[in-house]
Amino acid sequence: MAFVLRRLLSLVLVCMGVVFAAFMLVRLIPGDPALVVAGEAASAARIEEVRAELGLDRPFLEQFGKYASGLARGEMGNSFQLSKKPVGELISERVGNSIQLAATALTTVLLFSIPLGMVMGAFTREGRHRRAEVLFTAITSVVGALPEFLLATFLAFIFAVWLRWLPVAGDNFPANLVLPLLAVSLRPVFVLSRIVRVETLNVLASDYIRTARSKQLPDRLIYMRHVLPNVATAALTIGGLLFSGIVGGAVIVENIFNRPGLGTTLVNAVRANDYPVVQGIVLVIGFTVVVANAIVDISLTVVNPRSLARNS
């Protein structure tokens, strides 16, 4: 309970830091929002009038105080564009597609990487099948190093342009989800499977596994009862770290495949200097990653209580 309370306190502090960072960094975007709203042909007086209407003429700390007080009331402000639509309403309309992509990608990573890593670990244990080990290491290294935007471009060219098997854009479920899902999940699948394989080899080389084999326990019991729980701890730890990459990759991939989610909305808002929309989306993404990492840390203490000693 003490660890959980400390973790929740750090969660609150990190979220406060995310709020300040999002508010400060968004103002480093080149361009003047008042000029975008007023129009290129607007006079200097009109631009200053619009700047006053948007509250951009006030001191930085005063703007931040007003924004923070609004967040405390559950308000993210109104868009500078889009007929001054509330940011919360705009995000609620677009977040569904992003959640669908990120959640499906995370599920895919966990469902495929852990079994694949364990199978390859069992197949190549004690120096067996060296060629398969080298091939697996080479493939996971290459695919694991590819950024999402490059992988998405390759997939779109092969399956949408060349083979014409899948659509390249839109949000028609499930056909339009296949390519974005592959683009987001392939890299973390291979990265995590490689880590799971190494962890499986370490577990298989431990003394208690030798003892279990000496007792002639079936392989099914050895892998499910002894290997899997130890591998799951490492997979859960790395999976929490990979989740932030999955969320960030989903933002990029949504723009490539023109999915109407938070990613495309964020890029359009940055181009239009729409500060409230950029801040709102950054906060949603940042809070999601921070909360997910906190859940992983707390879950690790349940799966492996020995981790409490390391955290202490």
C-alpha atoms as a PDB file:
ATOM      1  CA  MET A   1       0.000   0.000   0.000  1.00  0.00           C
ATOM      2  CA  ALA A   2       2.879   2.376   0.770  1.00  0.00           C
ATOM      3  CA  PHE A   3       4.372   1.691  -2.657  1.00  0.00           C
ATOM      4  CA  VAL A   4       1.015   2.263  -4.359  1.00  0.00           C
ATOM      5  CA  LEU A   5       0.560   5.582  -2.554  1.00  0.00           C
ATOM      6  CA  ARG A   6       4.066   6.709  -3.533  1.00  0.00           C
ATOM      7  CA  ARG A   7       3.426   5.690  -7.123  1.00  0.00           C
ATOM      8  CA  LEU A   8       0.137   7.575  -7.229  1.00  0.00           C
ATOM      9  CA  LEU A   9       1.789  10.679  -5.770  1.00  0.00           C
ATOM     10  CA  SER A  10       4.497  10.551  -8.431  1.00  0.00           C
ATOM     11  CA  LEU A  11       1.752  10.072 -11.024  1.00  0.00           C
ATOM     12  CA  VAL A  12       0.103  13.330  -9.937  1.00  0.00           C
ATOM     13  CA  LEU A  13       3.422  15.195 -10.042  1.00  0.00           C
ATOM     14  CA  VAL A  14       4.270  13.885 -13.495  1.00  0.00           C
ATOM     15  CA  CYS A  15       0.823  14.829 -14.805  1.00  0.00           C
ATOM     16  CA  MET A  16       1.321  18.346 -13.480  1.00  0.00           C
ATOM     17  CA  GLY A  17       4.638  18.481 -15.319  1.00  0.00           C
ATOM     18  CA  VAL A  18       2.954  17.278 -18.507  1.00  0.00           C
ATOM     19  CA  VAL A  19       0.381  20.081 -18.226  1.00  0.00           C
ATOM     20  CA  PHE A  20       3.058  22.755 -17.875  1.00  0.00           C
ATOM     21  CA  ALA A  21       5.262  21.273 -20.613  1.00  0.00           C
ATOM     22  CA  ALA A  22       2.365  21.032 -23.076  1.00  0.00           C
ATOM     23  CA  PHE A  23       1.309  24.611 -22.383  1.00  0.00           C
ATOM     24  CA  MET A  24       4.848  25.962 -22.715  1.00  0.00           C
ATOM     25  CA  LEU A  25       6.107  23.952 -25.680  1.00  0.00           C
ATOM     26  CA  VAL A  26       3.043  24.546 -27.852  1.00  0.00           C
ATOM     27  CA  ARG A  27       3.916  28.238 -27.844  1.00  0.00           C
ATOM     28  CA  LEU A  28       7.217  27.445 -29.515  1.00  0.00           C
ATOM     29  CA  ILE A  29       5.372  26.466 -32.699  1.00  0.00           C
ATOM     30  CA  PRO A  30       6.370  28.983 -35.410  1.00  0.00           C
ATOM     31  CA  GLY A  31       3.634  31.366 -36.487  1.00  0.00           C
ATOM     32  CA  ASP A  32       1.017  33.623 -34.964  1.00  0.00           C
ATOM     33  CA  PRO A  33      -2.420  32.104 -34.207  1.00  0.00           C
ATOM     34  CA  ALA A  34      -3.996  35.569 -34.329  1.00  0.00           C
ATOM     35  CA  LEU A  35      -2.705  36.047 -37.881  1.00  0.00           C
ATOM     36  CA  VAL A  36      -4.115  32.659 -38.905  1.00  0.00           C
ATOM     37  CA  VAL A  37      -7.532  33.445 -37.409  1.00  0.00           C
ATOM     38  CA  ALA A  38      -7.689  37.015 -38.709  1.00  0.00           C
ATOM     39  CA  GLY A  39      -6.388  36.154 -42.161  1.00  0.00           C
ATOM     40  CA  GLU A  40      -3.346  37.170 -44.143  1.00  0.00           C
ATOM     41  CA  ALA A  41      -4.998  40.364 -45.386  1.00  0.00           C
ATOM     42  CA  ALA A  42      -6.017  41.591 -41.924  1.00  0.00           C
ATOM     43  CA  SER A  43      -4.710  44.871 -40.642  1.00  0.00           C
ATOM     44  CA  ALA A  44      -2.368  45.181 -37.665  1.00  0.00           C
ATOM     45  CA  ALA A  45      -5.195  46.573 -35.543  1.00  0.00           C
ATOM     46  CA  ARG A  46      -7.425  43.607 -36.401  1.00  0.00           C
ATOM     47  CA  ILE A  47      -4.638  41.156 -35.559  1.00  0.00           C
ATOM     48  CA  GLU A  48      -4.128  42.787 -32.172  1.00  0.00           C
ATOM     49  CA  GLU A  49      -7.882  42.660 -31.578  1.00  0.00           C
ATOM     50  CA  VAL A  50      -7.971  38.939 -32.368  1.00  0.00           C
ATOM     51  CA  ARG A  51      -4.938  38.349 -30.142  1.00  0.00           C
ATOM     52  CA  ALA A  52      -6.794  40.032 -27.279  1.00  0.00           C
ATOM     53  CA  GLU A  53      -9.906  37.929 -27.954  1.00  0.00           C
ATOM     54  CA  LEU A  54      -7.819  34.744 -27.811  1.00  0.00           C
ATOM     55  CA  GLY A  55      -6.104  35.887 -24.613  1.00  0.00           C
ATOM     56  CA  LEU A  56      -2.648  35.764 -26.195  1.00  0.00           C
ATOM     57  CA  ASP A  57      -1.837  39.351 -25.197  1.00  0.00           C
ATOM     58  CA  ARG A  58      -1.719  38.449 -21.493  1.00  0.00           C
ATOM     59  CA  PRO A  59       1.477  37.471 -19.600  1.00  0.00           C
ATOM     60  CA  PHE A  60       2.554  33.841 -19.854  1.00  0.00           C
ATOM     61  CA  LEU A  61       1.888  32.980 -16.208  1.00  0.00           C
ATOM     62  CA  GLU A  62      -1.554  34.573 -16.354  1.00  0.00           C
ATOM     63  CA  GLN A  63      -2.413  32.512 -19.442  1.00  0.00           C
ATOM     64  CA  PHE A  64      -1.157  29.353 -17.737  1.00  0.00           C
ATOM     65  CA  GLY A  65      -3.118  30.087 -14.564  1.00  0.00           C
ATOM     66  CA  LYS A  66      -6.320  30.536 -16.534  1.00  0.00           C
ATOM     67  CA  TYR A  67      -5.668  27.314 -18.476  1.00  0.00           C
ATOM     68  CA  ALA A  68      -4.855  25.307 -15.322  1.00  0.00           C
ATOM     69  CA  SER A  69      -7.979  26.568 -13.563  1.00  0.00           C
ATOM     70  CA  GLY A  70     -10.010  25.544 -16.595  1.00  0.00           C
ATOM     71  CA  LEU A  71      -8.482  22.049 -16.518  1.00  0.00           C
ATOM     72  CA  ALA A  72      -9.405  21.772 -12.840  1.00  0.00           C
ATOM     73  CA  ARG A  73     -13.019  22.358 -13.894  1.00  0.00           C
ATOM     74  CA  GLY A  74     -12.715  19.820 -16.714  1.00  0.00           C
ATOM     75  CA  GLU A  75     -12.459  22.430 -19.465  1.00  0.00           C
ATOM     76  CA  MET A  76      -9.748  22.413 -22.137  1.00  0.00           C
ATOM     77  CA  GLY A  77     -10.797  25.625 -23.837  1.00  0.00           C
ATOM     78  CA  ASN A  78     -12.170  26.218 -27.315  1.00  0.00           C
ATOM     79  CA  SER A  79     -10.505  25.749 -30.672  1.00  0.00           C
ATOM     80  CA  PHE A  80      -9.126  28.866 -32.351  1.00  0.00           C
ATOM     81  CA  GLN A  81     -10.415  27.416 -35.622  1.00  0.00           C
ATOM     82  CA  LEU A  82     -13.406  25.096 -36.206  1.00  0.00           C
ATOM     83  CA  SER A  83     -15.980  27.708 -35.110  1.00  0.00           C
ATOM     84  CA  LYS A  84     -14.457  27.813 -31.595  1.00  0.00           C
ATOM     85  CA  LYS A  85     -15.618  24.277 -30.871  1.00  0.00           C
ATOM     86  CA  PRO A  86     -14.825  22.973 -27.353  1.00  0.00           C
ATOM     87  CA  VAL A  87     -11.620  20.936 -27.364  1.00  0.00           C
ATOM     88  CA  GLY A  88     -13.123  18.237 -25.163  1.00  0.00           C
ATOM     89  CA  GLU A  89     -15.960  17.694 -27.616  1.00  0.00           C
ATOM     90  CA  LEU A  90     -13.535  17.603 -30.543  1.00  0.00           C
ATOM     91  CA  ILE A  91     -11.328  15.025 -28.833  1.00  0.00           C
ATOM     92  CA  SER A  92     -14.310  12.854 -27.871  1.00  0.00           C
ATOM     93  CA  GLU A  93     -15.328  12.716 -31.537  1.00  0.00           C
ATOM     94  CA  ARG A  94     -11.864  11.611 -32.735  1.00  0.00           C
ATOM     95  CA  VAL A  95     -10.499   9.551 -29.863  1.00  0.00           C
ATOM     96  CA  GLY A  96     -12.492   6.416 -30.741  1.00  0.00           C
ATOM     97  CA  ASN A  97     -10.423   5.555 -33.829  1.00  0.00           C
ATOM     98  CA  SER A  98      -7.168   6.203 -31.982  1.00  0.00           C
ATOM     99  CA  ILE A  99      -8.185   3.995 -29.049  1.00  0.00           C
ATOM    100  CA  GLN A 100      -9.241   1.286 -31.473  1.00  0.00           C
ATOM    101  CA  LEU A 101      -5.860   1.334 -33.223  1.00  0.00           C
ATOM    102  CA  ALA A 102      -3.702   1.592 -30.071  1.00  0.00           C
ATOM    103  CA  ALA A 103      -5.640  -1.032 -28.098  1.00  0.00           C
ATOM    104  CA  THR A 104      -5.686  -3.478 -31.007  1.00  0.00           C
ATOM    105  CA  ALA A 105      -1.964  -2.943 -31.570  1.00  0.00           C
ATOM    106  CA  LEU A 106      -1.118  -3.521 -27.896  1.00  0.00           C
ATOM    107  CA  THR A 107      -3.238  -6.681 -27.805  1.00  0.00           C
ATOM    108  CA  THR A 108      -1.562  -7.919 -30.987  1.00  0.00           C
ATOM    109  CA  VAL A 109       1.902  -7.271 -29.556  1.00  0.00           C
ATOM    110  CA  LEU A 110       1.213  -9.218 -26.367  1.00  0.00           C
ATOM    111  CA  LEU A 111      -0.587 -12.101 -28.112  1.00  0.00           C
ATOM    112  CA  PHE A 112       2.135 -12.688 -30.702  1.00  0.00           C
ATOM    113  CA  SER A 113       5.423 -11.603 -29.126  1.00  0.00           C
ATOM    114  CA  ILE A 114       5.282 -13.717 -25.947  1.00  0.00           C
ATOM    115  CA  PRO A 115       4.440 -17.055 -27.662  1.00  0.00           C
ATOM    116  CA  LEU A 116       6.884 -16.333 -30.505  1.00  0.00           C
ATOM    117  CA  GLY A 117       9.700 -15.489 -28.109  1.00  0.00           C
ATOM    118  CA  MET A 118       9.045 -18.535 -25.932  1.00  0.00           C
ATOM    119  CA  VAL A 119       8.876 -20.887 -28.928  1.00  0.00           C
ATOM    120  CA  MET A 120      12.140 -19.549 -30.335  1.00  0.00           C
ATOM    121  CA  GLY A 121      13.735 -19.775 -26.899  1.00  0.00           C
ATOM    122  CA  ALA A 122      12.715 -23.407 -26.544  1.00  0.00           C
ATOM    123  CA  PHE A 123      13.747 -24.154 -30.140  1.00  0.00           C
ATOM    124  CA  THR A 124      17.225 -22.633 -29.807  1.00  0.00           C
ATOM    125  CA  ARG A 125      18.027 -23.528 -26.177  1.00  0.00           C
ATOM    126  CA  GLU A 126      21.478 -24.898 -25.322  1.00  0.00           C
ATOM    127  CA  GLY A 127      22.908 -23.774 -28.675  1.00  0.00           C
ATOM    128  CA  ARG A 128      20.497 -25.771 -30.827  1.00  0.00           C
ATOM    129  CA  HIS A 129      19.478 -24.752 -34.357  1.00  0.00           C
ATOM    130  CA  ARG A 130      22.056 -22.014 -34.808  1.00  0.00           C
ATOM    131  CA  ARG A 131      20.774 -21.077 -38.268  1.00  0.00           C
ATOM    132  CA  ALA A 132      17.264 -20.475 -36.952  1.00  0.00           C
ATOM    133  CA  GLU A 133      18.697 -18.354 -34.145  1.00  0.00           C
ATOM    134  CA  VAL A 134      20.741 -16.220 -36.558  1.00  0.00           C
ATOM    135  CA  LEU A 135      17.770 -15.810 -38.908  1.00  0.00           C
ATOM    136  CA  PHE A 136      15.440 -14.852 -36.075  1.00  0.00           C
ATOM    137  CA  THR A 137      17.941 -12.370 -34.650  1.00  0.00           C
ATOM    138  CA  ALA A 138      18.512 -10.797 -38.072  1.00  0.00           C
ATOM    139  CA  ILE A 139      14.803 -10.393 -38.835  1.00  0.00           C
ATOM    140  CA  THR A 140      13.953  -8.977 -35.420  1.00  0.00           C
ATOM    141  CA  SER A 141      16.897  -6.585 -35.584  1.00  0.00           C
ATOM    142  CA  VAL A 142      15.971  -5.223 -39.015  1.00  0.00           C
ATOM    143  CA  VAL A 143      12.213  -4.928 -38.445  1.00  0.00           C
ATOM    144  CA  GLY A 144      12.737  -3.644 -34.909  1.00  0.00           C
ATOM    145  CA  ALA A 145      14.867  -0.786 -36.246  1.00  0.00           C
ATOM    146  CA  LEU A 146      12.348   0.414 -38.841  1.00  0.00           C
ATOM    147  CA  PRO A 147      10.390   3.543 -37.859  1.00  0.00           C
ATOM    148  CA  GLU A 148       6.614   3.407 -38.132  1.00  0.00           C
ATOM    149  CA  PHE A 149       6.321   5.926 -40.966  1.00  0.00           C
ATOM    150  CA  LEU A 150       8.769   3.954 -43.155  1.00  0.00           C
ATOM    151  CA  LEU A 151       7.094   0.641 -42.346  1.00  0.00           C
ATOM    152  CA  ALA A 152       3.680   2.165 -43.092  1.00  0.00           C
ATOM    153  CA  THR A 153       4.930   3.419 -46.460  1.00  0.00           C
ATOM    154  CA  PHE A 154       6.248  -0.029 -47.395  1.00  0.00           C
ATOM    155  CA  LEU A 155       3.013  -1.733 -46.365  1.00  0.00           C
ATOM    156  CA  ALA A 156       0.872   0.781 -48.246  1.00  0.00           C
ATOM    157  CA  PHE A 157       2.938   0.352 -51.408  1.00  0.00           C
ATOM    158  CA  ILE A 158       2.930  -3.461 -51.282  1.00  0.00           C
ATOM    159  CA  PHE A 159      -0.625  -4.274 -50.153  1.00  0.00           C
ATOM    160  CA  ALA A 160      -2.562  -1.235 -51.372  1.00  0.00           C
ATOM    161  CA  VAL A 161      -0.755   0.048 -54.475  1.00  0.00           C
ATOM    162  CA  TRP A 162       0.965  -3.037 -55.865  1.00  0.00           C
ATOM    163  CA  LEU A 163      -1.211  -6.005 -54.826  1.00  0.00           C
ATOM    164  CA  ARG A 164      -4.410  -3.959 -54.296  1.00  0.00           C
ATOM    165  CA  TRP A 165      -5.533  -6.271 -51.506  1.00  0.00           C
ATOM    166  CA  LEU A 166      -6.318  -3.654 -48.880  1.00  0.00           C
ATOM    167  CA  PRO A 167      -7.528  -0.024 -48.880  1.00  0.00           C
ATOM    168  CA  VAL A 168      -4.937   2.599 -48.113  1.00  0.00           C
ATOM    169  CA  ALA A 169      -7.105   5.233 -46.386  1.00  0.00           C
ATOM    170  CA  GLY A 170     -10.334   5.733 -44.463  1.00  0.00           C
ATOM    171  CA  ASP A 171     -11.886   4.274 -41.312  1.00  0.00           C
ATOM    172  CA  ASN A 172     -14.032   1.449 -42.710  1.00  0.00           C
ATOM    173  CA  PHE A 173     -13.671  -1.325 -40.127  1.00  0.00           C
ATOM    174  CA  PRO A 174     -12.057  -3.852 -40.342  1.00  0.00           C
ATOM    175  CA  ALA A 175     -10.421  -3.592 -43.792  1.00  0.00           C
ATOM    176  CA  ASN A 176      -8.978  -0.142 -43.170  1.00  0.00           C
ATOM    177  CA  LEU A 177      -7.546  -1.205 -39.819  1.00  0.00           C
ATOM    178  CA  VAL A 178      -5.248  -3.947 -41.144  1.00  0.00           C
ATOM    179  CA  LEU A 179      -2.441  -1.839 -42.624  1.00  0.00           C
ATOM    180  CA  PRO A 180      -2.311   0.721 -39.776  1.00  0.00           C
ATOM    181  CA  LEU A 181      -2.350  -2.138 -37.264  1.00  0.00           C
ATOM    182  CA  LEU A 182       0.578  -3.866 -38.977  1.00  0.00           C
ATOM    183  CA  ALA A 183       2.510  -0.607 -39.245  1.00  0.00           C
ATOM    184  CA  VAL A 184       2.113   0.115 -35.518  1.00  0.00           C
ATOM    185  CA  SER A 185       2.522  -3.397 -34.095  1.00  0.00           C
ATOM    186  CA  LEU A 186       5.170  -5.132 -36.242  1.00  0.00           C
ATOM    187  CA  ARG A 187       8.152  -3.339 -34.743  1.00  0.00           C
ATOM    188  CA  PRO A 188       7.193  -3.848 -31.056  1.00  0.00           C
ATOM    189  CA  VAL A 189       6.207  -7.476 -31.779  1.00  0.00           C
ATOM    190  CA  PHE A 190       9.707  -8.296 -33.012  1.00  0.00           C
ATOM    191  CA  VAL A 191      11.432  -6.217 -30.338  1.00  0.00           C
ATOM    192  CA  LEU A 192       9.494  -7.809 -27.491  1.00  0.00           C
ATOM    193  CA  SER A 193       9.739 -11.343 -28.936  1.00  0.00           C
ATOM    194  CA  ARG A 194      13.522 -11.023 -29.041  1.00  0.00           C
ATOM    195  CA  ILE A 195      13.583  -9.952 -25.389  1.00  0.00           C
ATOM    196  CA  VAL A 196      11.190 -12.763 -24.418  1.00  0.00           C
ATOM    197  CA  ARG A 197      13.431 -15.284 -26.180  1.00  0.00           C
ATOM    198  CA  VAL A 198      16.482 -14.136 -24.206  1.00  0.00           C
ATOM    199  CA  GLU A 199      14.508 -14.235 -20.970  1.00  0.00           C
ATOM    200  CA  THR A 200      13.240 -17.726 -21.839  1.00  0.00           C
ATOM    201  CA  LEU A 201      16.804 -18.930 -22.377  1.00  0.00           C
ATOM    202  CA  ASN A 202      17.818 -17.493 -18.998  1.00  0.00           C
ATOM    203  CA  VAL A 203      14.921 -19.211 -17.256  1.00  0.00           C
ATOM    204  CA  LEU A 204      15.585 -22.528 -18.994  1.00  0.00           C
ATOM    205  CA  ALA A 205      19.212 -22.403 -17.822  1.00  0.00           C
ATOM    206  CA  SER A 206      18.256 -21.906 -14.163  1.00  0.00           C
ATOM    207  CA  ASP A 207      18.643 -24.591 -11.483  1.00  0.00           C
ATOM    208  CA  TYR A 208      14.967 -25.019 -10.696  1.00  0.00           C
ATOM    209  CA  ILE A 209      14.236 -25.849 -14.333  1.00  0.00           C
ATOM    210  CA  ARG A 210      16.922 -28.542 -14.214  1.00  0.00           C
ATOM    211  CA  THR A 211      15.288 -29.855 -11.050  1.00  0.00           C
ATOM    212  CA  ALA A 212      11.873 -29.901 -12.736  1.00  0.00           C
ATOM    213  CA  ARG A 213      13.306 -31.812 -15.689  1.00  0.00           C
ATOM    214  CA  SER A 214      15.030 -34.274 -13.356  1.00  0.00           C
ATOM    215  CA  LYS A 215      11.625 -34.993 -11.852  1.00  0.00           C
ATOM    216  CA  GLN A 216      10.456 -35.803 -15.396  1.00  0.00           C
ATOM    217  CA  LEU A 217       7.743 -33.172 -15.399  1.00  0.00           C
ATOM    218  CA  PRO A 218       6.017 -32.779 -18.781  1.00  0.00           C
ATOM    219  CA  ASP A 219       7.281 -29.912 -20.925  1.00  0.00           C
ATOM    220  CA  ARG A 220       3.794 -28.440 -20.883  1.00  0.00           C
ATOM    221  CA  LEU A 221       3.920 -28.009 -17.101  1.00  0.00           C
ATOM    222  CA  ILE A 222       7.492 -26.705 -17.158  1.00  0.00           C
ATOM    223  CA  TYR A 223       6.729 -23.974 -19.687  1.00  0.00           C
ATOM    224  CA  MET A 224       3.304 -22.989 -18.373  1.00  0.00           C
ATOM    225  CA  ARG A 225       4.002 -23.202 -14.630  1.00  0.00           C
ATOM    226  CA  HIS A 226       7.657 -22.181 -14.378  1.00  0.00           C
ATOM    227  CA  VAL A 227       8.794 -20.425 -17.556  1.00  0.00           C
ATOM    228  CA  LEU A 228       5.744 -18.343 -18.445  1.00  0.00           C
ATOM    229  CA  PRO A 229       5.333 -16.505 -15.078  1.00  0.00           C
ATOM    230  CA  ASN A 230       8.983 -15.433 -15.101  1.00  0.00           C
ATOM    231  CA  VAL A 231       8.872 -14.405 -18.748  1.00  0.00           C
ATOM    232  CA  ALA A 232       5.603 -12.519 -18.197  1.00  0.00           C
ATOM    233  CA  THR A 233       7.303 -10.241 -15.665  1.00  0.00           C
ATOM    234  CA  ALA A 234       9.921  -9.131 -18.178  1.00  0.00           C
ATOM    235  CA  ALA A 235       7.331  -8.886 -20.947  1.00  0.00           C
ATOM    236  CA  LEU A 236       5.086  -6.726 -18.770  1.00  0.00           C
ATOM    237  CA  THR A 237       7.970  -4.395 -17.930  1.00  0.00           C
ATOM    238  CA  ILE A 238       9.090  -3.942 -21.535  1.00  0.00           C
ATOM    239  CA  GLY A 239       5.477  -3.865 -22.727  1.00  0.00           C
ATOM    240  CA  GLY A 240       4.849  -0.793 -20.584  1.00  0.00           C
ATOM    241  CA  LEU A 241       7.816   0.928 -22.203  1.00  0.00           C
ATOM    242  CA  LEU A 242       6.708  -0.108 -25.676  1.00  0.00           C
ATOM    243  CA  PHE A 243       3.198   1.235 -25.058  1.00  0.00           C
ATOM    244  CA  SER A 244       4.411   4.821 -25.343  1.00  0.00           C
ATOM    245  CA  GLY A 245       5.977   3.914 -28.686  1.00  0.00           C
ATOM    246  CA  ILE A 246       2.719   2.318 -29.804  1.00  0.00           C
ATOM    247  CA  VAL A 247       0.770   5.463 -28.921  1.00  0.00           C
ATOM    248  CA  GLY A 248       3.299   7.697 -30.667  1.00  0.00           C
ATOM    249  CA  GLY A 249       3.401   5.382 -33.675  1.00  0.00           C
ATOM    250  CA  ALA A 250      -0.395   5.424 -33.886  1.00  0.00           C
ATOM    251  CA  VAL A 251      -0.334   9.217 -34.125  1.00  0.00           C
ATOM    252  CA  ILE A 252       2.102   9.063 -37.059  1.00  0.00           C
ATOM    253  CA  VAL A 253       0.426   6.148 -38.829  1.00  0.00           C
ATOM    254  CA  GLU A 254      -3.007   7.795 -38.655  1.00  0.00           C
ATOM    255  CA  ASN A 255      -1.682  10.636 -40.791  1.00  0.00           C
ATOM    256  CA  ILE A 256      -0.144   8.288 -43.348  1.00  0.00           C
ATOM    257  CA  PHE A 257      -3.355   6.291 -43.766  1.00  0.00           C
ATOM    258  CA  ASN A 258      -5.617   9.331 -43.311  1.00  0.00           C
ATOM    259  CA  ARG A 259      -7.516   7.862 -40.356  1.00  0.00           C
ATOM    260  CA  PRO A 260      -9.780  10.431 -38.671  1.00  0.00           C
ATOM    261  CA  GLY A 261      -8.224  10.145 -35.226  1.00  0.00           C
ATOM    262  CA  LEU A 262      -6.204  12.199 -32.789  1.00  0.00           C
ATOM    263  CA  GLY A 263      -3.090  11.954 -34.959  1.00  0.00           C
ATOM    264  CA  THR A 264      -4.523  13.706 -37.990  1.00  0.00           C
ATOM    265  CA  THR A 265      -6.291  16.230 -35.757  1.00  0.00           C
ATOM    266  CA  LEU A 266      -3.026  16.982 -33.943  1.00  0.00           C
ATOM    267  CA  VAL A 267      -1.062  17.564 -37.149  1.00  0.00           C
ATOM    268  CA  ASN A 268      -3.773  19.819 -38.584  1.00  0.00           C
ATOM    269  CA  ALA A 269      -3.895  21.774 -35.316  1.00  0.00           C
ATOM    270  CA  VAL A 270      -0.121  22.271 -35.331  1.00  0.00           C
ATOM    271  CA  ARG A 271      -0.252  23.560 -38.895  1.00  0.00           C
ATOM    272  CA  ALA A 272      -3.034  25.998 -37.957  1.00  0.00           C
ATOM    273  CA  ASN A 273      -1.389  27.102 -34.665  1.00  0.00           C
ATOM    274  CA  ASP A 274      -4.517  25.982 -32.839  1.00  0.00           C
ATOM    275  CA  TYR A 275      -3.025  26.038 -29.333  1.00  0.00           C
ATOM    276  CA  PRO A 276      -6.001  24.667 -27.344  1.00  0.00           C
ATOM    277  CA  VAL A 277      -6.428  21.642 -29.640  1.00  0.00           C
ATOM    278  CA  VAL A 278      -2.694  20.832 -29.605  1.00  0.00           C
ATOM    279  CA  GLN A 279      -2.566  21.177 -25.819  1.00  0.00           C
ATOM    280  CA  GLY A 280      -5.660  19.019 -25.333  1.00  0.00           C
ATOM    281  CA  ILE A 281      -4.451  16.178 -27.559  1.00  0.00           C
ATOM    282  CA  VAL A 282      -0.938  16.252 -26.086  1.00  0.00           C
ATOM    283  CA  LEU A 283      -2.425  16.055 -22.593  1.00  0.00           C
ATOM    284  CA  VAL A 284      -4.657  13.118 -23.513  1.00  0.00           C
ATOM    285  CA  ILE A 285      -1.761  11.211 -25.055  1.00  0.00           C
ATOM    286  CA  GLY A 286       0.624  12.135 -22.235  1.00  0.00           C
ATOM    287  CA  PHE A 287      -1.821  11.205 -19.484  1.00  0.00           C
ATOM    288  CA  THR A 288      -2.558   7.895 -21.218  1.00  0.00           C
ATOM    289  CA  VAL A 289       1.115   6.937 -21.329  1.00  0.00           C
ATOM    290  CA  VAL A 290       1.794   8.061 -17.742  1.00  0.00           C
ATOM    291  CA  VAL A 291      -1.229   6.229 -16.331  1.00  0.00           C
ATOM    292  CA  ALA A 292      -0.384   3.093 -18.340  1.00  0.00           C
ATOM    293  CA  ASN A 293       3.160   3.057 -16.940  1.00  0.00           C
ATOM    294  CA  ALA A 294       1.809   3.480 -13.415  1.00  0.00           C
ATOM    295  CA  ILE A 295      -0.573   0.552 -13.949  1.00  0.00           C
ATOM    296  CA  VAL A 296       2.337  -1.565 -15.200  1.00  0.00           C
ATOM    297  CA  ASP A 297       4.452  -0.701 -12.139  1.00  0.00           C
ATOM    298  CA  ILE A 298       1.639  -1.578  -9.759  1.00  0.00           C
ATOM    299  CA  SER A 299       0.825  -4.756 -11.682  1.00  0.00           C
ATOM    300  CA  LEU A 300       4.456  -5.857 -11.443  1.00  0.00           C
ATOM    301  CA  THR A 301       4.255  -5.781  -7.674  1.00  0.00           C
ATOM    302  CA  VAL A 302       1.290  -8.148  -7.890  1.00  0.00           C
ATOM    303  CA  VAL A 303       2.884 -10.506 -10.419  1.00  0.00           C
ATOM    304  CA  ASN A 304       6.335 -10.367  -8.805  1.00  0.00           C
ATOM    305  CA  PRO A 305       6.341  -9.035  -5.206  1.00  0.00           C
ATOM    306  CA  ARG A 306      10.159  -9.194  -5.184  1.00  0.00           C
ATOM    307  CA  SER A 307      10.152  -6.071  -7.379  1.00  0.00           C
ATOM    308  CA  LEU A 308       9.052  -4.111  -4.277  1.00  0.00           C
ATOM    309  CA  ALA A 309      12.507  -4.614  -2.825  1.00  0.00           C
ATOM    310  CA  ARG A 310      14.100  -3.086  -5.922  1.00  0.00           C
ATOM    311  CA  ASN A 311      11.649  -0.173  -5.899  1.00  0.00           C
ATOM    312  CA  SER A 312      12.385   0.471  -2.229  1.00  0.00           C
END
